[in-house]
Structure formats: C-alpha cells, structure tokens
Amino acid sequence: MTPSRWSDLDRPPLNEAALRRAVVGSPLWASLDVVDATGSTNSDLAARAAAGAPEGTVLVAEEQTSGRGRLDRRWSAPPRSGLFFSVVLRPGEAGAFGKPVPVHRWGWLPLLAGVATATALSRAAGVDTSLKWPNDLLLTVGGEERKAGGILAERTGETGVVVGIGLNVSLSDDELPVPTAASLALAGAATTDRDPLLRAVLRSLADWYEAWRTAGGDPDASRLRQTYAAGCATLGRDVRAELPGGRDLSGTAVGVDDDGRLVISGPEGEQAVGAGDVVHLRPSA
C-alpha cells in the first residue's frame, strides 16, 4: 500500500473547510484556499490580484518549494512544518474601512503584518515574539534571538499589495535551514497546531488592518507605531544597514518615521532607511 502524503500524524494537514468557516465572511477576508504545494504563494496570489482578485483573498500552501523573502532570497521547509500564506490587500481603494490610504503610508504594511503576527502568537502559542526591522519574526531559543519567520509585501497594480507570511512551526533542530533559524516548537510554544495559529494570525491581521485603514494609514492614530516600537528588537541597538548599491550605514536605530522607514543616528546625523538589510551589531538590553 502506497503511504499517503498525509500519513505523518505529527504534521496533519490544515482543515480547509474549518478555516473557511472560521474566517471567511468577516469584514476583510473574502476567500481562503489551501493548496498542497506551490512555488510561492506571493507569486500565485500576485497573478490572481492582477486578474482582479478582491481584497481579502487568502492563499495558504502546505508546502512552498520556491518561497521568496526580501532581496529575492529563497527558502523552503518540509511539508506541513509551518504556515506559508499570502493575502491580497487593496489600500489604494475605498472600501468598508474608509478612503484610500496614501501610497507613502503603504510602507507600514509589512510592519503591520509583523505586529499582527507577533501579538497573535503571544496569545495563541504563549511565546514572546520580537520584530527585526522591517520584516523578521524573532523567537528566543537557548537564550539567543533567532529568526522564525518573515514577511514579504509586494505591490500589485495601482491599488493592491500582496503580503506573504512564512512561519516555522514544528521544525526540529536538524531541519533548520541555518543554525540561526528557529521554530515555535524549539521556542517551547504551548501549541504547534497550525489551524488555530493561522486563525489567530488572520484575525489579528484583520483587526490591525481595519484600525490602520480607518485611521487613513496614520501610524499614530491607529497605535501601530507605538505597538511596533514596543516589540521591535532593532530599536535602541547599534546596527549596520546594507543599502542598495553596496553602501553601508552604521549607527543606532532610534525610531521609525511616518512612512515606516528605520531612522538611524550616525556620525552624519539621522538618516531614514527604506530598503536594505539591517544587521544587529550588539545584543538587546
């Protein structure tokens, strides 16, 4: 008898029907599909968005074979070992949450997704999750900060953004792509059941997105900036920003500006960084 690809009882498949019942029909989520495997949920959903997929379309994959991160980095993980999903948001359109959000505020979307994911995991999994600007989800394993997930926001068309979230859930030490990675299991999470974890993240994302949209994208009126700063492991630390074009900027990360850019105070004063790779140069206090 040929073994079923779902025969790993430690990693059961997501319950698509139950997930739809739990989240679809809310003010934000319009549809939810779960696929066995795909190259990248962001790429697939970007194509759907270009064809007119509405705001609130959700695509979840049990396995990503060509997952993409910032700076076009590639990664993959064993089937059903994590949460790999993308959503369509259309902040450039008027809708249930009010007027369109100005484009210069859209830089807050990956930060918003980070806040939503971190707060959801704190409640649902009982783990403290911190954020590395702009889009890394950090967990503490063995007293060390390690990356357990990431967020990728990509603009699609004039009004839309596809936001992808990848989170390691049940990976063991020998399955980690690099020694500095982590998973919820390794961080001692209270649960690694992906169904309630995904529901919690989607509900939190909907709540934060509604608050941000209702406030016209204002990070202070929506309390997004305050909440992000409280959970951001980058602020207050010495950092090196590796910028496009091969230029580096070193200094102390002192804040996040109105457009979601990291403000670094260095020898030449304060400068805002909107793109690049940020390296933490000293431990968090």
Protein backbone atom coordinates (compact mmCIF):
# COMPACT_ATOMS: atom_id res chain seq x y z
CA MET A 1 0.00 0.00 0.00
CA THR A 2 1.42 3.37 -1.01
CA PRO A 3 1.81 5.69 2.02
CA SER A 4 -0.40 8.74 1.97
CA ARG A 5 1.38 12.09 1.82
CA TRP A 6 -0.81 12.92 4.86
CA SER A 7 0.37 9.91 6.86
CA ASP A 8 2.64 11.98 9.14
CA LEU A 9 0.35 12.29 12.15
CA ASP A 10 2.73 14.73 13.84
CA ARG A 11 2.06 17.13 10.98
CA PRO A 12 -1.57 16.79 9.96
CA PRO A 13 -2.94 18.81 7.03
CA LEU A 14 -4.80 22.04 7.55
CA ASN A 15 -8.58 21.77 7.68
CA GLU A 16 -9.57 23.99 4.78
CA ALA A 17 -13.32 23.77 5.39
CA ALA A 18 -12.99 24.65 9.07
CA LEU A 19 -10.65 27.54 8.30
CA ARG A 20 -13.12 28.96 5.80
CA ARG A 21 -15.95 28.74 8.29
CA ALA A 22 -13.84 30.48 10.91
CA VAL A 23 -12.53 33.44 8.91
CA VAL A 24 -14.36 33.97 5.61
CA GLY A 25 -17.24 36.39 5.84
CA SER A 26 -15.55 38.77 8.26
CA PRO A 27 -15.28 42.41 7.14
CA LEU A 28 -11.92 41.64 5.49
CA TRP A 29 -11.50 38.01 4.46
CA ALA A 30 -13.35 37.20 1.24
CA SER A 31 -11.99 33.74 0.38
CA LEU A 32 -9.46 31.17 1.56
CA ASP A 33 -7.85 28.37 -0.41
CA VAL A 34 -5.36 25.74 0.78
CA VAL A 35 -3.12 24.04 -1.81
CA ASP A 36 -0.86 21.04 -1.28
CA ALA A 37 2.23 22.67 -2.73
CA THR A 38 3.28 25.65 -4.79
CA GLY A 39 6.40 27.53 -5.68
CA SER A 40 5.43 30.78 -3.95
CA THR A 41 2.07 31.88 -2.55
CA ASN A 42 3.07 35.50 -3.18
CA SER A 43 3.71 34.83 -6.87
CA ASP A 44 0.46 32.89 -7.26
CA LEU A 45 -1.61 35.50 -5.47
CA ALA A 46 0.02 38.37 -7.35
CA ALA A 47 -1.21 36.75 -10.56
CA ARG A 48 -4.70 36.41 -9.09
CA ALA A 49 -4.63 40.02 -7.92
CA ALA A 50 -3.64 41.18 -11.41
CA ALA A 51 -6.65 39.28 -12.72
CA GLY A 52 -8.94 41.09 -10.28
CA ALA A 53 -8.88 39.05 -7.07
CA PRO A 54 -10.60 41.16 -4.40
CA GLU A 55 -9.16 42.42 -1.15
CA GLY A 56 -9.21 39.69 1.46
CA THR A 57 -8.24 36.81 -0.83
CA VAL A 58 -6.11 34.31 1.14
CA LEU A 59 -3.89 31.56 -0.30
CA VAL A 60 -2.26 29.01 2.01
CA ALA A 61 0.23 26.32 0.97
CA GLU A 62 1.09 23.15 2.85
CA GLU A 63 4.50 23.36 1.19
CA GLN A 64 6.41 26.07 -0.67
CA THR A 65 9.15 24.86 -2.97
CA SER A 66 10.46 28.29 -4.00
CA GLY A 67 9.46 30.59 -1.18
CA ARG A 68 10.80 34.13 -1.54
CA GLY A 69 11.97 36.62 1.03
CA ARG A 70 13.30 40.15 0.83
CA LEU A 71 16.19 40.78 -1.57
CA ASP A 72 14.89 37.77 -3.55
CA ARG A 73 16.27 35.26 -1.03
CA ARG A 74 14.95 31.73 -1.48
CA TRP A 75 13.95 29.25 1.18
CA SER A 76 11.91 26.10 1.64
CA ALA A 77 10.73 23.89 4.51
CA PRO A 78 9.33 20.37 4.93
CA PRO A 79 5.63 19.93 4.06
CA ARG A 80 3.18 20.98 6.81
CA SER A 81 6.05 22.18 9.05
CA GLY A 82 4.96 25.81 9.08
CA LEU A 83 2.47 28.44 7.99
CA PHE A 84 3.04 29.69 4.46
CA PHE A 85 0.35 32.07 3.19
CA SER A 86 -0.32 35.31 1.36
CA VAL A 87 -3.19 37.79 1.33
CA VAL A 88 -4.42 40.45 -1.07
CA LEU A 89 -4.88 43.90 0.42
CA ARG A 90 -6.08 46.91 -1.55
CA PRO A 91 -5.21 50.02 0.49
CA GLY A 92 -5.46 52.12 -2.66
CA GLU A 93 -9.20 51.56 -2.97
CA ALA A 94 -12.07 52.98 -0.98
CA GLY A 95 -13.96 50.26 0.83
CA ALA A 96 -15.55 49.10 4.05
CA PHE A 97 -12.74 50.71 6.06
CA GLY A 98 -12.87 54.16 4.51
CA LYS A 99 -10.99 56.19 1.93
CA PRO A 100 -7.87 55.03 0.08
CA VAL A 101 -4.63 55.19 2.08
CA PRO A 102 -1.93 57.47 0.58
CA VAL A 103 0.77 55.43 -1.16
CA HIS A 104 3.56 56.81 1.04
CA ARG A 105 1.89 55.09 4.04
CA TRP A 106 1.96 51.64 2.40
CA GLY A 107 5.45 51.06 3.78
CA TRP A 108 3.74 50.32 7.10
CA LEU A 109 2.07 47.17 5.76
CA PRO A 110 4.96 44.72 6.44
CA LEU A 111 5.37 46.28 9.88
CA LEU A 112 1.62 45.95 10.47
CA ALA A 113 1.78 42.29 9.46
CA GLY A 114 4.65 41.79 11.89
CA VAL A 115 2.73 43.36 14.77
CA ALA A 116 -0.36 41.31 13.94
CA THR A 117 1.59 38.05 13.79
CA ALA A 118 3.57 38.72 16.96
CA THR A 119 0.50 39.63 19.01
CA ALA A 120 -1.40 36.60 17.70
CA LEU A 121 1.42 34.20 18.56
CA SER A 122 1.74 35.67 22.03
CA ARG A 123 -1.91 34.87 22.70
CA ALA A 124 -2.30 31.60 20.79
CA ALA A 125 1.09 29.96 21.31
CA GLY A 126 2.29 31.58 24.51
CA VAL A 127 5.62 32.72 23.06
CA ASP A 128 7.23 36.14 23.10
CA THR A 129 7.89 37.22 19.54
CA SER A 130 10.00 40.26 18.73
CA LEU A 131 10.43 42.04 15.42
CA LYS A 132 13.56 42.94 13.48
CA TRP A 133 13.01 45.87 11.13
CA PRO A 134 11.31 45.62 8.81
CA ASN A 135 10.00 42.12 8.47
CA ASP A 136 11.70 39.39 10.52
CA LEU A 137 9.93 37.50 13.30
CA LEU A 138 12.31 36.57 16.11
CA LEU A 139 11.96 33.94 18.85
CA THR A 140 14.29 33.18 21.75
CA VAL A 141 15.82 29.71 21.73
CA GLY A 142 18.54 28.83 24.22
CA GLY A 143 18.88 32.46 25.24
CA GLU A 144 19.53 33.57 21.66
CA GLU A 145 17.39 35.57 19.26
CA ARG A 146 16.69 33.52 16.16
CA LYS A 147 14.62 34.14 13.06
CA ALA A 148 11.43 32.06 12.94
CA GLY A 149 9.64 33.79 10.11
CA GLY A 150 9.48 36.62 7.68
CA ILE A 151 7.12 38.89 5.80
CA LEU A 152 7.23 40.00 2.18
CA ALA A 153 5.00 42.79 0.86
CA GLU A 154 4.85 43.34 -2.91
CA ARG A 155 2.84 45.93 -4.76
CA THR A 156 0.45 44.66 -7.42
CA GLY A 157 -1.17 47.12 -9.77
CA GLU A 158 -2.13 50.64 -8.78
CA THR A 159 -4.21 49.79 -5.71
CA GLY A 160 -3.05 46.48 -4.30
CA VAL A 161 -0.38 44.83 -2.18
CA VAL A 162 0.23 41.11 -1.67
CA VAL A 163 1.54 40.37 1.81
CA GLY A 164 3.15 36.98 2.38
CA ILE A 165 3.93 35.49 5.80
CA GLY A 166 6.12 32.47 6.42
CA LEU A 167 6.49 31.00 9.91
CA ASN A 168 8.39 27.92 11.08
CA VAL A 169 6.11 25.96 13.37
CA SER A 170 7.29 22.39 14.02
CA LEU A 171 10.80 22.29 12.54
CA SER A 172 13.34 20.39 14.64
CA ASP A 173 16.99 21.34 15.06
CA ASP A 174 18.14 19.08 12.25
CA GLU A 175 15.53 20.52 9.86
CA LEU A 176 16.52 24.16 10.28
CA PRO A 177 17.90 25.76 7.10
CA VAL A 178 20.61 27.56 9.11
CA PRO A 179 21.68 27.33 12.78
CA THR A 180 20.37 30.84 13.45
CA ALA A 181 16.81 29.88 12.49
CA ALA A 182 14.09 28.87 14.93
CA SER A 183 10.59 27.42 15.14
CA LEU A 184 7.69 27.66 17.54
CA ALA A 185 8.41 24.10 18.70
CA LEU A 186 12.02 24.93 19.58
CA ALA A 187 10.88 28.05 21.45
CA GLY A 188 8.58 25.97 23.68
CA ALA A 189 5.25 27.04 22.20
CA ALA A 190 2.14 25.90 24.03
CA THR A 191 0.77 24.52 20.75
CA THR A 192 2.01 23.73 17.26
CA ASP A 193 -1.48 23.06 15.90
CA ARG A 194 -1.42 25.15 12.75
CA ASP A 195 -5.20 25.55 12.39
CA PRO A 196 -5.76 27.72 15.49
CA LEU A 197 -2.46 29.50 14.88
CA LEU A 198 -3.48 30.50 11.35
CA ARG A 199 -6.93 31.60 12.51
CA ALA A 200 -5.34 33.73 15.25
CA VAL A 201 -2.92 35.42 12.84
CA LEU A 202 -5.63 36.16 10.26
CA ARG A 203 -7.96 37.62 12.89
CA SER A 204 -5.17 39.77 14.31
CA LEU A 205 -4.16 40.91 10.83
CA ALA A 206 -7.76 41.88 10.06
CA ASP A 207 -8.06 43.85 13.31
CA TRP A 208 -4.84 45.79 12.77
CA TYR A 209 -5.57 46.43 9.10
CA GLU A 210 -9.03 47.75 9.93
CA ALA A 211 -7.60 50.12 12.56
CA TRP A 212 -4.89 51.33 10.16
CA ARG A 213 -7.32 51.81 7.27
CA THR A 214 -9.90 53.57 9.46
CA ALA A 215 -7.15 55.98 10.57
CA GLY A 216 -6.24 56.70 6.94
CA GLY A 217 -2.92 54.91 7.33
CA ASP A 218 -1.85 57.17 10.22
CA PRO A 219 0.54 55.02 12.31
CA ASP A 220 -0.08 57.04 15.47
CA ALA A 221 -3.88 57.29 15.33
CA SER A 222 -4.03 53.52 14.76
CA ARG A 223 -1.47 52.93 17.56
CA LEU A 224 0.59 50.93 15.10
CA ARG A 225 3.81 52.88 15.61
CA GLN A 226 3.64 52.60 19.41
CA THR A 227 2.94 48.89 19.33
CA TYR A 228 5.62 48.21 16.74
CA ALA A 229 8.22 50.16 18.73
CA ALA A 230 7.35 48.24 21.90
CA GLY A 231 8.03 44.91 20.21
CA CYS A 232 10.88 45.86 17.88
CA ALA A 233 14.24 44.34 18.81
CA THR A 234 16.05 46.69 16.40
CA LEU A 235 15.29 49.99 18.11
CA GLY A 236 17.92 51.17 20.55
CA ARG A 237 20.60 48.91 19.11
CA ASP A 238 23.72 49.57 17.12
CA VAL A 239 23.05 48.43 13.57
CA ARG A 240 24.57 48.31 10.13
CA ALA A 241 22.23 48.88 7.21
CA GLU A 242 23.48 47.31 4.00
CA LEU A 243 21.87 49.53 1.39
CA PRO A 244 21.20 49.00 -2.32
CA GLY A 245 24.23 49.86 -4.40
CA GLY A 246 26.71 48.43 -1.91
CA ARG A 247 26.66 51.36 0.55
CA ASP A 248 26.60 50.75 4.31
CA LEU A 249 25.17 52.97 7.05
CA SER A 250 26.10 52.32 10.67
CA GLY A 251 24.70 53.89 13.82
CA THR A 252 21.99 53.48 16.43
CA ALA A 253 18.43 52.67 15.39
CA VAL A 254 16.41 55.39 17.11
CA GLY A 255 12.93 55.21 15.60
CA VAL A 256 10.56 54.55 12.73
CA ASP A 257 9.39 57.56 10.71
CA ASP A 258 5.91 58.38 9.39
CA ASP A 259 6.46 56.22 6.29
CA GLY A 260 7.70 53.14 8.15
CA ARG A 261 11.38 53.76 7.44
CA LEU A 262 14.05 52.99 10.03
CA VAL A 263 15.78 56.09 11.41
CA ILE A 264 19.48 55.57 12.13
CA SER A 265 21.53 58.08 14.08
CA GLY A 266 25.16 58.07 12.98
CA PRO A 267 28.17 60.36 12.63
CA GLU A 268 26.39 62.39 9.94
CA GLY A 269 23.17 62.79 11.88
CA GLU A 270 19.87 60.97 11.49
CA GLN A 271 19.04 59.21 8.23
CA ALA A 272 15.93 57.22 7.25
CA VAL A 273 16.40 53.83 5.60
CA GLY A 274 13.55 52.45 3.50
CA ALA A 275 15.27 49.48 1.89
CA GLY A 276 18.20 47.23 2.58
CA ASP A 277 19.36 44.61 5.05
CA VAL A 278 19.82 45.55 8.71
CA VAL A 279 22.34 43.72 10.88
CA HIS A 280 22.14 43.91 14.70
CA LEU A 281 25.64 44.69 15.98
CA ARG A 282 25.05 44.22 19.71
CA PRO A 283 22.63 42.25 21.87
CA SER A 284 19.35 43.69 23.06
CA ALA A 285 19.50 45.28 26.50
